[in-house]
Amino acid sequence: MEARSSEPGGDENRPDFTTEEIRLIRLWSLSDMSAARQVSAQVAYFATPAVFGIYGLATGSLVIVGVAFTCILLLLVWGFVSTWRDQSNVVLMQSICRKLLPAMDEQR
């Protein structure tokens, strides 16, 4: 796969991205990856079972505590599965960065 575009009239230093790489660049450029967004998402997921578990402890109901604990475990499993699934995007982003690095070195 060529890392340079050889289109007539095109910039010779422009990397030649695949369709998947262009899609990922667009997706990441539009996403909100701020720390506040990440923390608020995690709090939103874990707050409900945590409050439910605290209620179970306050009322002395082991069933409610068990349900809350199970929900938290399921959320953790979901997080691991999501991270594993997103690994393909990490590999694709590494491919994009490998294509950009020579173009950036030539500009110096």
PDB file of N, CA and C in Angstrom:
ATOM      1  N   MET A   1       0.850  -1.168   0.000  1.00  0.00           N
ATOM      2  CA  MET A   1       0.000   0.000   0.000  1.00  0.00           C
ATOM      3  C   MET A   1       0.895   1.230   0.000  1.00  0.00           C
ATOM      4  N   GLU A   2       0.624   2.125  -0.887  1.00  0.00           N
ATOM      5  CA  GLU A   2       1.387   3.362  -1.008  1.00  0.00           C
ATOM      6  C   GLU A   2       1.029   4.324   0.117  1.00  0.00           C
ATOM      7  N   ALA A   3       2.017   4.967   0.647  1.00  0.00           N
ATOM      8  CA  ALA A   3       1.769   5.964   1.679  1.00  0.00           C
ATOM      9  C   ALA A   3       1.661   7.363   1.097  1.00  0.00           C
ATOM     10  N   ARG A   4       1.895   7.505  -0.202  1.00  0.00           N
ATOM     11  CA  ARG A   4       1.838   8.802  -0.869  1.00  0.00           C
ATOM     12  C   ARG A   4       0.783   8.794  -1.960  1.00  0.00           C
ATOM     13  N   SER A   5       0.160   9.915  -2.149  1.00  0.00           N
ATOM     14  CA  SER A   5      -0.825  10.079  -3.211  1.00  0.00           C
ATOM     15  C   SER A   5      -0.116  10.555  -4.463  1.00  0.00           C
ATOM     16  N   SER A   6      -0.407   9.938  -5.600  1.00  0.00           N
ATOM     17  CA  SER A   6       0.241  10.341  -6.846  1.00  0.00           C
ATOM     18  C   SER A   6      -0.778  10.905  -7.829  1.00  0.00           C
ATOM     19  N   GLU A   7      -1.817  11.555  -7.309  1.00  0.00           N
ATOM     20  CA  GLU A   7      -2.820  12.162  -8.174  1.00  0.00           C
ATOM     21  C   GLU A   7      -2.215  13.345  -8.911  1.00  0.00           C
ATOM     22  N   PRO A   8      -2.615  13.550 -10.182  1.00  0.00           N
ATOM     23  CA  PRO A   8      -2.113  14.723 -10.884  1.00  0.00           C
ATOM     24  C   PRO A   8      -2.626  15.995 -10.223  1.00  0.00           C
ATOM     25  N   GLY A   9      -1.719  16.918  -9.971  1.00  0.00           N
ATOM     26  CA  GLY A   9      -2.099  18.171  -9.338  1.00  0.00           C
ATOM     27  C   GLY A   9      -2.262  18.047  -7.834  1.00  0.00           C
ATOM     28  N   GLY A  10      -2.105  16.845  -7.276  1.00  0.00           N
ATOM     29  CA  GLY A  10      -2.258  16.644  -5.835  1.00  0.00           C
ATOM     30  C   GLY A  10      -0.963  16.900  -5.111  1.00  0.00           C
ATOM     31  N   ASP A  11      -1.031  17.046  -3.828  1.00  0.00           N
ATOM     32  CA  ASP A  11       0.138  17.270  -2.998  1.00  0.00           C
ATOM     33  C   ASP A  11       0.883  15.950  -2.852  1.00  0.00           C
ATOM     34  N   GLU A  12       2.168  15.938  -3.169  1.00  0.00           N
ATOM     35  CA  GLU A  12       2.957  14.706  -3.111  1.00  0.00           C
ATOM     36  C   GLU A  12       3.179  14.230  -1.682  1.00  0.00           C
ATOM     37  N   ASN A  13       3.070  15.118  -0.697  1.00  0.00           N
ATOM     38  CA  ASN A  13       3.284  14.745   0.697  1.00  0.00           C
ATOM     39  C   ASN A  13       2.010  14.284   1.389  1.00  0.00           C
ATOM     40  N   ARG A  14       0.933  14.221   0.665  1.00  0.00           N
ATOM     41  CA  ARG A  14      -0.346  13.835   1.262  1.00  0.00           C
ATOM     42  C   ARG A  14      -0.443  12.310   1.373  1.00  0.00           C
ATOM     43  N   PRO A  15      -0.648  11.788   2.578  1.00  0.00           N
ATOM     44  CA  PRO A  15      -0.775  10.336   2.735  1.00  0.00           C
ATOM     45  C   PRO A  15      -2.013   9.796   2.021  1.00  0.00           C
ATOM     46  N   ASP A  16      -1.928   8.567   1.571  1.00  0.00           N
ATOM     47  CA  ASP A  16      -3.028   7.902   0.884  1.00  0.00           C
ATOM     48  C   ASP A  16      -3.781   7.046   1.900  1.00  0.00           C
ATOM     49  N   PHE A  17      -4.905   7.573   2.429  1.00  0.00           N
ATOM     50  CA  PHE A  17      -5.679   6.864   3.449  1.00  0.00           C
ATOM     51  C   PHE A  17      -6.696   5.938   2.807  1.00  0.00           C
ATOM     52  N   THR A  18      -6.946   4.801   3.481  1.00  0.00           N
ATOM     53  CA  THR A  18      -7.998   3.890   3.039  1.00  0.00           C
ATOM     54  C   THR A  18      -9.358   4.462   3.450  1.00  0.00           C
ATOM     55  N   THR A  19     -10.423   3.888   2.934  1.00  0.00           N
ATOM     56  CA  THR A  19     -11.775   4.331   3.278  1.00  0.00           C
ATOM     57  C   THR A  19     -12.044   4.170   4.765  1.00  0.00           C
ATOM     58  N   GLU A  20     -11.576   3.056   5.339  1.00  0.00           N
ATOM     59  CA  GLU A  20     -11.769   2.826   6.782  1.00  0.00           C
ATOM     60  C   GLU A  20     -11.037   3.868   7.611  1.00  0.00           C
ATOM     61  N   GLU A  21      -9.829   4.229   7.190  1.00  0.00           N
ATOM     62  CA  GLU A  21      -9.052   5.217   7.927  1.00  0.00           C
ATOM     63  C   GLU A  21      -9.713   6.591   7.850  1.00  0.00           C
ATOM     64  N   ILE A  22     -10.226   6.962   6.692  1.00  0.00           N
ATOM     65  CA  ILE A  22     -10.927   8.245   6.554  1.00  0.00           C
ATOM     66  C   ILE A  22     -12.166   8.273   7.440  1.00  0.00           C
ATOM     67  N   ARG A  23     -12.902   7.177   7.490  1.00  0.00           N
ATOM     68  CA  ARG A  23     -14.091   7.099   8.343  1.00  0.00           C
ATOM     69  C   ARG A  23     -13.706   7.279   9.810  1.00  0.00           C
ATOM     70  N   LEU A  24     -12.623   6.634  10.240  1.00  0.00           N
ATOM     71  CA  LEU A  24     -12.189   6.745  11.632  1.00  0.00           C
ATOM     72  C   LEU A  24     -11.697   8.160  11.948  1.00  0.00           C
ATOM     73  N   ILE A  25     -10.988   8.782  11.028  1.00  0.00           N
ATOM     74  CA  ILE A  25     -10.529  10.165  11.239  1.00  0.00           C
ATOM     75  C   ILE A  25     -11.731  11.088  11.430  1.00  0.00           C
ATOM     76  N   ARG A  26     -12.739  10.944  10.579  1.00  0.00           N
ATOM     77  CA  ARG A  26     -13.937  11.776  10.704  1.00  0.00           C
ATOM     78  C   ARG A  26     -14.663  11.519  12.017  1.00  0.00           C
ATOM     79  N   LEU A  27     -14.778  10.240  12.395  1.00  0.00           N
ATOM     80  CA  LEU A  27     -15.471   9.874  13.626  1.00  0.00           C
ATOM     81  C   LEU A  27     -14.759  10.465  14.841  1.00  0.00           C
ATOM     82  N   TRP A  28     -13.445  10.318  14.914  1.00  0.00           N
ATOM     83  CA  TRP A  28     -12.687  10.811  16.060  1.00  0.00           C
ATOM     84  C   TRP A  28     -12.641  12.323  16.084  1.00  0.00           C
ATOM     85  N   SER A  29     -12.637  12.967  14.927  1.00  0.00           N
ATOM     86  CA  SER A  29     -12.578  14.425  14.911  1.00  0.00           C
ATOM     87  C   SER A  29     -13.884  15.046  15.404  1.00  0.00           C
ATOM     88  N   LEU A  30     -14.984  14.313  15.319  1.00  0.00           N
ATOM     89  CA  LEU A  30     -16.279  14.826  15.760  1.00  0.00           C
ATOM     90  C   LEU A  30     -16.639  14.414  17.182  1.00  0.00           C
ATOM     91  N   SER A  31     -15.875  13.490  17.773  1.00  0.00           N
ATOM     92  CA  SER A  31     -16.240  12.970  19.087  1.00  0.00           C
ATOM     93  C   SER A  31     -15.730  13.874  20.206  1.00  0.00           C
ATOM     94  N   ASP A  32     -16.448  13.824  21.328  1.00  0.00           N
ATOM     95  CA  ASP A  32     -16.071  14.583  22.520  1.00  0.00           C
ATOM     96  C   ASP A  32     -15.344  13.632  23.457  1.00  0.00           C
ATOM     97  N   MET A  33     -14.048  13.751  23.532  1.00  0.00           N
ATOM     98  CA  MET A  33     -13.239  12.853  24.354  1.00  0.00           C
ATOM     99  C   MET A  33     -12.705  13.548  25.600  1.00  0.00           C
ATOM    100  N   SER A  34     -13.390  14.590  26.050  1.00  0.00           N
ATOM    101  CA  SER A  34     -12.904  15.333  27.213  1.00  0.00           C
ATOM    102  C   SER A  34     -13.005  14.476  28.475  1.00  0.00           C
ATOM    103  N   ALA A  35     -12.188  14.819  29.458  1.00  0.00           N
ATOM    104  CA  ALA A  35     -12.182  14.074  30.715  1.00  0.00           C
ATOM    105  C   ALA A  35     -13.519  14.203  31.431  1.00  0.00           C
ATOM    106  N   ALA A  36     -14.116  15.390  31.384  1.00  0.00           N
ATOM    107  CA  ALA A  36     -15.410  15.591  32.042  1.00  0.00           C
ATOM    108  C   ALA A  36     -16.477  14.691  31.425  1.00  0.00           C
ATOM    109  N   ARG A  37     -16.451  14.559  30.120  1.00  0.00           N
ATOM    110  CA  ARG A  37     -17.423  13.688  29.430  1.00  0.00           C
ATOM    111  C   ARG A  37     -17.225  12.232  29.839  1.00  0.00           C
ATOM    112  N   GLN A  38     -15.975  11.785  29.915  1.00  0.00           N
ATOM    113  CA  GLN A  38     -15.684  10.405  30.287  1.00  0.00           C
ATOM    114  C   GLN A  38     -16.116  10.117  31.729  1.00  0.00           C
ATOM    115  N   VAL A  39     -15.808  11.041  32.634  1.00  0.00           N
ATOM    116  CA  VAL A  39     -16.166  10.843  34.044  1.00  0.00           C
ATOM    117  C   VAL A  39     -17.674  10.856  34.221  1.00  0.00           C
ATOM    118  N   SER A  40     -18.362  11.779  33.561  1.00  0.00           N
ATOM    119  CA  SER A  40     -19.818  11.839  33.708  1.00  0.00           C
ATOM    120  C   SER A  40     -20.484  10.590  33.151  1.00  0.00           C
ATOM    121  N   ALA A  41     -19.932  10.027  32.081  1.00  0.00           N
ATOM    122  CA  ALA A  41     -20.489   8.787  31.542  1.00  0.00           C
ATOM    123  C   ALA A  41     -20.316   7.636  32.532  1.00  0.00           C
ATOM    124  N   GLN A  42     -19.143   7.551  33.163  1.00  0.00           N
ATOM    125  CA  GLN A  42     -18.902   6.482  34.128  1.00  0.00           C
ATOM    126  C   GLN A  42     -19.781   6.639  35.366  1.00  0.00           C
ATOM    127  N   VAL A  43     -19.931   7.868  35.830  1.00  0.00           N
ATOM    128  CA  VAL A  43     -20.782   8.116  36.991  1.00  0.00           C
ATOM    129  C   VAL A  43     -22.228   7.742  36.676  1.00  0.00           C
ATOM    130  N   ALA A  44     -22.671   8.085  35.485  1.00  0.00           N
ATOM    131  CA  ALA A  44     -24.047   7.767  35.101  1.00  0.00           C
ATOM    132  C   ALA A  44     -24.286   6.259  35.091  1.00  0.00           C
ATOM    133  N   TYR A  45     -23.305   5.496  34.650  1.00  0.00           N
ATOM    134  CA  TYR A  45     -23.471   4.038  34.612  1.00  0.00           C
ATOM    135  C   TYR A  45     -23.452   3.411  35.993  1.00  0.00           C
ATOM    136  N   PHE A  46     -22.550   3.868  36.860  1.00  0.00           N
ATOM    137  CA  PHE A  46     -22.360   3.198  38.142  1.00  0.00           C
ATOM    138  C   PHE A  46     -23.153   3.798  39.296  1.00  0.00           C
ATOM    139  N   ALA A  47     -23.697   4.990  39.124  1.00  0.00           N
ATOM    140  CA  ALA A  47     -24.419   5.636  40.222  1.00  0.00           C
ATOM    141  C   ALA A  47     -25.708   4.897  40.566  1.00  0.00           C
ATOM    142  N   THR A  48     -26.452   4.473  39.555  1.00  0.00           N
ATOM    143  CA  THR A  48     -27.733   3.809  39.815  1.00  0.00           C
ATOM    144  C   THR A  48     -27.569   2.515  40.616  1.00  0.00           C
ATOM    145  N   PRO A  49     -26.708   1.572  40.181  1.00  0.00           N
ATOM    146  CA  PRO A  49     -26.550   0.371  41.012  1.00  0.00           C
ATOM    147  C   PRO A  49     -25.933   0.667  42.380  1.00  0.00           C
ATOM    148  N   ALA A  50     -25.071   1.696  42.461  1.00  0.00           N
ATOM    149  CA  ALA A  50     -24.472   2.032  43.758  1.00  0.00           C
ATOM    150  C   ALA A  50     -25.531   2.542  44.729  1.00  0.00           C
ATOM    151  N   VAL A  51     -26.395   3.434  44.254  1.00  0.00           N
ATOM    152  CA  VAL A  51     -27.478   3.950  45.104  1.00  0.00           C
ATOM    153  C   VAL A  51     -28.427   2.817  45.483  1.00  0.00           C
ATOM    154  N   PHE A  52     -28.706   1.941  44.515  1.00  0.00           N
ATOM    155  CA  PHE A  52     -29.571   0.790  44.775  1.00  0.00           C
ATOM    156  C   PHE A  52     -28.948  -0.108  45.845  1.00  0.00           C
ATOM    157  N   GLY A  53     -27.605  -0.311  45.760  1.00  0.00           N
ATOM    158  CA  GLY A  53     -26.905  -1.125  46.761  1.00  0.00           C
ATOM    159  C   GLY A  53     -26.923  -0.477  48.137  1.00  0.00           C
ATOM    160  N   ILE A  54     -26.754   0.836  48.182  1.00  0.00           N
ATOM    161  CA  ILE A  54     -26.804   1.554  49.464  1.00  0.00           C
ATOM    162  C   ILE A  54     -28.195   1.430  50.081  1.00  0.00           C
ATOM    163  N   TYR A  55     -29.218   1.533  49.244  1.00  0.00           N
ATOM    164  CA  TYR A  55     -30.588   1.344  49.732  1.00  0.00           C
ATOM    165  C   TYR A  55     -30.756  -0.064  50.298  1.00  0.00           C
ATOM    166  N   GLY A  56     -30.203  -1.058  49.598  1.00  0.00           N
ATOM    167  CA  GLY A  56     -30.279  -2.438  50.089  1.00  0.00           C
ATOM    168  C   GLY A  56     -29.585  -2.619  51.422  1.00  0.00           C
ATOM    169  N   LEU A  57     -28.434  -1.971  51.582  1.00  0.00           N
ATOM    170  CA  LEU A  57     -27.733  -2.047  52.868  1.00  0.00           C
ATOM    171  C   LEU A  57     -28.527  -1.353  53.968  1.00  0.00           C
ATOM    172  N   ALA A  58     -29.137  -0.216  53.637  1.00  0.00           N
ATOM    173  CA  ALA A  58     -29.905   0.541  54.636  1.00  0.00           C
ATOM    174  C   ALA A  58     -31.136  -0.233  55.094  1.00  0.00           C
ATOM    175  N   THR A  59     -31.765  -0.951  54.178  1.00  0.00           N
ATOM    176  CA  THR A  59     -32.965  -1.712  54.537  1.00  0.00           C
ATOM    177  C   THR A  59     -32.633  -3.119  55.007  1.00  0.00           C
ATOM    178  N   GLY A  60     -31.382  -3.524  54.843  1.00  0.00           N
ATOM    179  CA  GLY A  60     -30.977  -4.859  55.274  1.00  0.00           C
ATOM    180  C   GLY A  60     -31.401  -5.958  54.316  1.00  0.00           C
ATOM    181  N   SER A  61     -31.682  -5.617  53.065  1.00  0.00           N
ATOM    182  CA  SER A  61     -32.108  -6.607  52.085  1.00  0.00           C
ATOM    183  C   SER A  61     -30.906  -7.102  51.278  1.00  0.00           C
ATOM    184  N   LEU A  62     -30.547  -8.360  51.515  1.00  0.00           N
ATOM    185  CA  LEU A  62     -29.429  -8.945  50.771  1.00  0.00           C
ATOM    186  C   LEU A  62     -29.776  -9.162  49.298  1.00  0.00           C
ATOM    187  N   VAL A  63     -31.045  -9.322  48.991  1.00  0.00           N
ATOM    188  CA  VAL A  63     -31.460  -9.503  47.602  1.00  0.00           C
ATOM    189  C   VAL A  63     -31.169  -8.230  46.811  1.00  0.00           C
ATOM    190  N   ILE A  64     -31.519  -7.090  47.363  1.00  0.00           N
ATOM    191  CA  ILE A  64     -31.284  -5.813  46.677  1.00  0.00           C
ATOM    192  C   ILE A  64     -29.778  -5.563  46.538  1.00  0.00           C
ATOM    193  N   VAL A  65     -29.011  -5.863  47.577  1.00  0.00           N
ATOM    194  CA  VAL A  65     -27.553  -5.707  47.508  1.00  0.00           C
ATOM    195  C   VAL A  65     -26.983  -6.641  46.435  1.00  0.00           C
ATOM    196  N   GLY A  66     -27.496  -7.863  46.362  1.00  0.00           N
ATOM    197  CA  GLY A  66     -27.040  -8.816  45.353  1.00  0.00           C
ATOM    198  C   GLY A  66     -27.349  -8.357  43.939  1.00  0.00           C
ATOM    199  N   VAL A  67     -28.538  -7.800  43.742  1.00  0.00           N
ATOM    200  CA  VAL A  67     -28.911  -7.290  42.412  1.00  0.00           C
ATOM    201  C   VAL A  67     -27.998  -6.130  42.026  1.00  0.00           C
ATOM    202  N   ALA A  68     -27.741  -5.227  42.960  1.00  0.00           N
ATOM    203  CA  ALA A  68     -26.865  -4.082  42.684  1.00  0.00           C
ATOM    204  C   ALA A  68     -25.449  -4.553  42.363  1.00  0.00           C
ATOM    205  N   PHE A  69     -24.945  -5.512  43.119  1.00  0.00           N
ATOM    206  CA  PHE A  69     -23.608  -6.053  42.887  1.00  0.00           C
ATOM    207  C   PHE A  69     -23.527  -6.723  41.518  1.00  0.00           C
ATOM    208  N   THR A  70     -24.557  -7.483  41.169  1.00  0.00           N
ATOM    209  CA  THR A  70     -24.604  -8.134  39.858  1.00  0.00           C
ATOM    210  C   THR A  70     -24.624  -7.105  38.737  1.00  0.00           C
ATOM    211  N   CYS A  71     -25.379  -6.032  38.910  1.00  0.00           N
ATOM    212  CA  CYS A  71     -25.421  -4.962  37.902  1.00  0.00           C
ATOM    213  C   CYS A  71     -24.047  -4.325  37.720  1.00  0.00           C
ATOM    214  N   ILE A  72     -23.352  -4.071  38.810  1.00  0.00           N
ATOM    215  CA  ILE A  72     -22.015  -3.484  38.712  1.00  0.00           C
ATOM    216  C   ILE A  72     -21.060  -4.451  38.006  1.00  0.00           C
ATOM    217  N   LEU A  73     -21.150  -5.741  38.323  1.00  0.00           N
ATOM    218  CA  LEU A  73     -20.304  -6.722  37.631  1.00  0.00           C
ATOM    219  C   LEU A  73     -20.607  -6.763  36.132  1.00  0.00           C
ATOM    220  N   LEU A  74     -21.880  -6.712  35.769  1.00  0.00           N
ATOM    221  CA  LEU A  74     -22.254  -6.709  34.350  1.00  0.00           C
ATOM    222  C   LEU A  74     -21.742  -5.461  33.639  1.00  0.00           C
ATOM    223  N   LEU A  75     -21.787  -4.310  34.302  1.00  0.00           N
ATOM    224  CA  LEU A  75     -21.239  -3.085  33.719  1.00  0.00           C
ATOM    225  C   LEU A  75     -19.732  -3.185  33.516  1.00  0.00           C
ATOM    226  N   LEU A  76     -19.032  -3.802  34.458  1.00  0.00           N
ATOM    227  CA  LEU A  76     -17.595  -3.996  34.304  1.00  0.00           C
ATOM    228  C   LEU A  76     -17.278  -4.920  33.132  1.00  0.00           C
ATOM    229  N   VAL A  77     -18.038  -6.006  32.999  1.00  0.00           N
ATOM    230  CA  VAL A  77     -17.851  -6.919  31.871  1.00  0.00           C
ATOM    231  C   VAL A  77     -18.116  -6.194  30.560  1.00  0.00           C
ATOM    232  N   TRP A  78     -19.170  -5.396  30.531  1.00  0.00           N
ATOM    233  CA  TRP A  78     -19.495  -4.623  29.332  1.00  0.00           C
ATOM    234  C   TRP A  78     -18.348  -3.669  28.976  1.00  0.00           C
ATOM    235  N   GLY A  79     -17.731  -3.052  29.983  1.00  0.00           N
ATOM    236  CA  GLY A  79     -16.587  -2.178  29.750  1.00  0.00           C
ATOM    237  C   GLY A  79     -15.408  -2.925  29.149  1.00  0.00           C
ATOM    238  N   PHE A  80     -15.131  -4.135  29.649  1.00  0.00           N
ATOM    239  CA  PHE A  80     -14.039  -4.933  29.094  1.00  0.00           C
ATOM    240  C   PHE A  80     -14.325  -5.340  27.652  1.00  0.00           C
ATOM    241  N   VAL A  81     -15.559  -5.750  27.374  1.00  0.00           N
ATOM    242  CA  VAL A  81     -15.935  -6.148  26.015  1.00  0.00           C
ATOM    243  C   VAL A  81     -15.841  -4.951  25.064  1.00  0.00           C
ATOM    244  N   SER A  82     -16.295  -3.792  25.508  1.00  0.00           N
ATOM    245  CA  SER A  82     -16.223  -2.584  24.673  1.00  0.00           C
ATOM    246  C   SER A  82     -14.771  -2.217  24.381  1.00  0.00           C
ATOM    247  N   THR A  83     -13.920  -2.306  25.389  1.00  0.00           N
ATOM    248  CA  THR A  83     -12.501  -2.000  25.193  1.00  0.00           C
ATOM    249  C   THR A  83     -11.874  -2.988  24.216  1.00  0.00           C
ATOM    250  N   TRP A  84     -12.205  -4.250  24.338  1.00  0.00           N
ATOM    251  CA  TRP A  84     -11.680  -5.281  23.431  1.00  0.00           C
ATOM    252  C   TRP A  84     -12.152  -5.011  22.002  1.00  0.00           C
ATOM    253  N   ARG A  85     -13.421  -4.634  21.852  1.00  0.00           N
ATOM    254  CA  ARG A  85     -13.985  -4.357  20.525  1.00  0.00           C
ATOM    255  C   ARG A  85     -13.339  -3.116  19.905  1.00  0.00           C
ATOM    256  N   ASP A  86     -13.047  -2.112  20.728  1.00  0.00           N
ATOM    257  CA  ASP A  86     -12.439  -0.879  20.229  1.00  0.00           C
ATOM    258  C   ASP A  86     -10.965  -1.045  19.886  1.00  0.00           C
ATOM    259  N   GLN A  87     -10.387  -2.185  20.229  1.00  0.00           N
ATOM    260  CA  GLN A  87      -8.976  -2.428  19.922  1.00  0.00           C
ATOM    261  C   GLN A  87      -8.715  -2.355  18.422  1.00  0.00           C
ATOM    262  N   SER A  88      -9.678  -2.750  17.594  1.00  0.00           N
ATOM    263  CA  SER A  88      -9.486  -2.670  16.139  1.00  0.00           C
ATOM    264  C   SER A  88      -9.350  -1.218  15.700  1.00  0.00           C
ATOM    265  N   ASN A  89     -10.069  -0.288  16.352  1.00  0.00           N
ATOM    266  CA  ASN A  89      -9.927   1.129  16.043  1.00  0.00           C
ATOM    267  C   ASN A  89      -8.552   1.656  16.454  1.00  0.00           C
ATOM    268  N   VAL A  90      -8.001   1.125  17.537  1.00  0.00           N
ATOM    269  CA  VAL A  90      -6.669   1.545  17.978  1.00  0.00           C
ATOM    270  C   VAL A  90      -5.638   1.118  16.943  1.00  0.00           C
ATOM    271  N   VAL A  91      -5.754  -0.106  16.432  1.00  0.00           N
ATOM    272  CA  VAL A  91      -4.830  -0.595  15.417  1.00  0.00           C
ATOM    273  C   VAL A  91      -4.957   0.248  14.143  1.00  0.00           C
ATOM    274  N   LEU A  92      -6.184   0.596  13.774  1.00  0.00           N
ATOM    275  CA  LEU A  92      -6.408   1.430  12.600  1.00  0.00           C
ATOM    276  C   LEU A  92      -5.826   2.828  12.803  1.00  0.00           C
ATOM    277  N   MET A  93      -5.966   3.403  13.994  1.00  0.00           N
ATOM    278  CA  MET A  93      -5.405   4.722  14.266  1.00  0.00           C
ATOM    279  C   MET A  93      -3.877   4.669  14.255  1.00  0.00           C
ATOM    280  N   GLN A  94      -3.288   3.566  14.693  1.00  0.00           N
ATOM    281  CA  GLN A  94      -1.840   3.416  14.611  1.00  0.00           C
ATOM    282  C   GLN A  94      -1.388   3.401  13.153  1.00  0.00           C
ATOM    283  N   SER A  95      -2.175   2.775  12.287  1.00  0.00           N
ATOM    284  CA  SER A  95      -1.882   2.767  10.859  1.00  0.00           C
ATOM    285  C   SER A  95      -1.913   4.177  10.284  1.00  0.00           C
ATOM    286  N   ILE A  96      -2.904   4.968  10.708  1.00  0.00           N
ATOM    287  CA  ILE A  96      -3.008   6.360  10.259  1.00  0.00           C
ATOM    288  C   ILE A  96      -1.783   7.148  10.712  1.00  0.00           C
ATOM    289  N   CYS A  97      -1.390   6.969  11.956  1.00  0.00           N
ATOM    290  CA  CYS A  97      -0.242   7.704  12.493  1.00  0.00           C
ATOM    291  C   CYS A  97       1.050   7.309  11.788  1.00  0.00           C
ATOM    292  N   ARG A  98       1.207   6.025  11.437  1.00  0.00           N
ATOM    293  CA  ARG A  98       2.393   5.595  10.698  1.00  0.00           C
ATOM    294  C   ARG A  98       2.456   6.248   9.325  1.00  0.00           C
ATOM    295  N   LYS A  99       1.295   6.498   8.716  1.00  0.00           N
ATOM    296  CA  LYS A  99       1.267   7.168   7.415  1.00  0.00           C
ATOM    297  C   LYS A  99       1.550   8.657   7.539  1.00  0.00           C
ATOM    298  N   LEU A 100       1.136   9.260   8.644  1.00  0.00           N
ATOM    299  CA  LEU A 100       1.338  10.698   8.842  1.00  0.00           C
ATOM    300  C   LEU A 100       2.767  11.034   9.257  1.00  0.00           C
ATOM    301  N   LEU A 101       3.419  10.143   9.970  1.00  0.00           N
ATOM    302  CA  LEU A 101       4.745  10.434  10.499  1.00  0.00           C
ATOM    303  C   LEU A 101       5.763  10.777   9.417  1.00  0.00           C
ATOM    304  N   PRO A 102       5.911  10.022   8.322  1.00  0.00           N
ATOM    305  CA  PRO A 102       6.874  10.412   7.290  1.00  0.00           C
ATOM    306  C   PRO A 102       6.547  11.758   6.645  1.00  0.00           C
ATOM    307  N   ALA A 103       5.265  12.045   6.454  1.00  0.00           N
ATOM    308  CA  ALA A 103       4.879  13.332   5.872  1.00  0.00           C
ATOM    309  C   ALA A 103       5.254  14.490   6.805  1.00  0.00           C
ATOM    310  N   MET A 104       5.111  14.268   8.095  1.00  0.00           N
ATOM    311  CA  MET A 104       5.483  15.308   9.064  1.00  0.00           C
ATOM    312  C   MET A 104       7.006  15.482   9.127  1.00  0.00           C
ATOM    313  N   ASP A 105       7.751  14.379   9.005  1.00  0.00           N
ATOM    314  CA  ASP A 105       9.210  14.465   9.026  1.00  0.00           C
ATOM    315  C   ASP A 105       9.745  15.209   7.812  1.00  0.00           C
ATOM    316  N   GLU A 106       9.093  15.058   6.653  1.00  0.00           N
ATOM    317  CA  GLU A 106       9.530  15.729   5.440  1.00  0.00           C
ATOM    318  C   GLU A 106       9.251  17.225   5.485  1.00  0.00           C
ATOM    319  N   GLN A 107       8.263  17.645   6.271  1.00  0.00           N
ATOM    320  CA  GLN A 107       7.942  19.068   6.380  1.00  0.00           C
ATOM    321  C   GLN A 107       8.963  19.813   7.221  1.00  0.00           C
ATOM    322  N   ARG A 108       9.696  19.130   8.047  1.00  0.00           N
ATOM    323  CA  ARG A 108      10.691  19.774   8.940  1.00  0.00           C
ATOM    324  C   ARG A 108      11.880  20.186   8.180  1.00  0.00           C
TER     325      ARG A 108
END
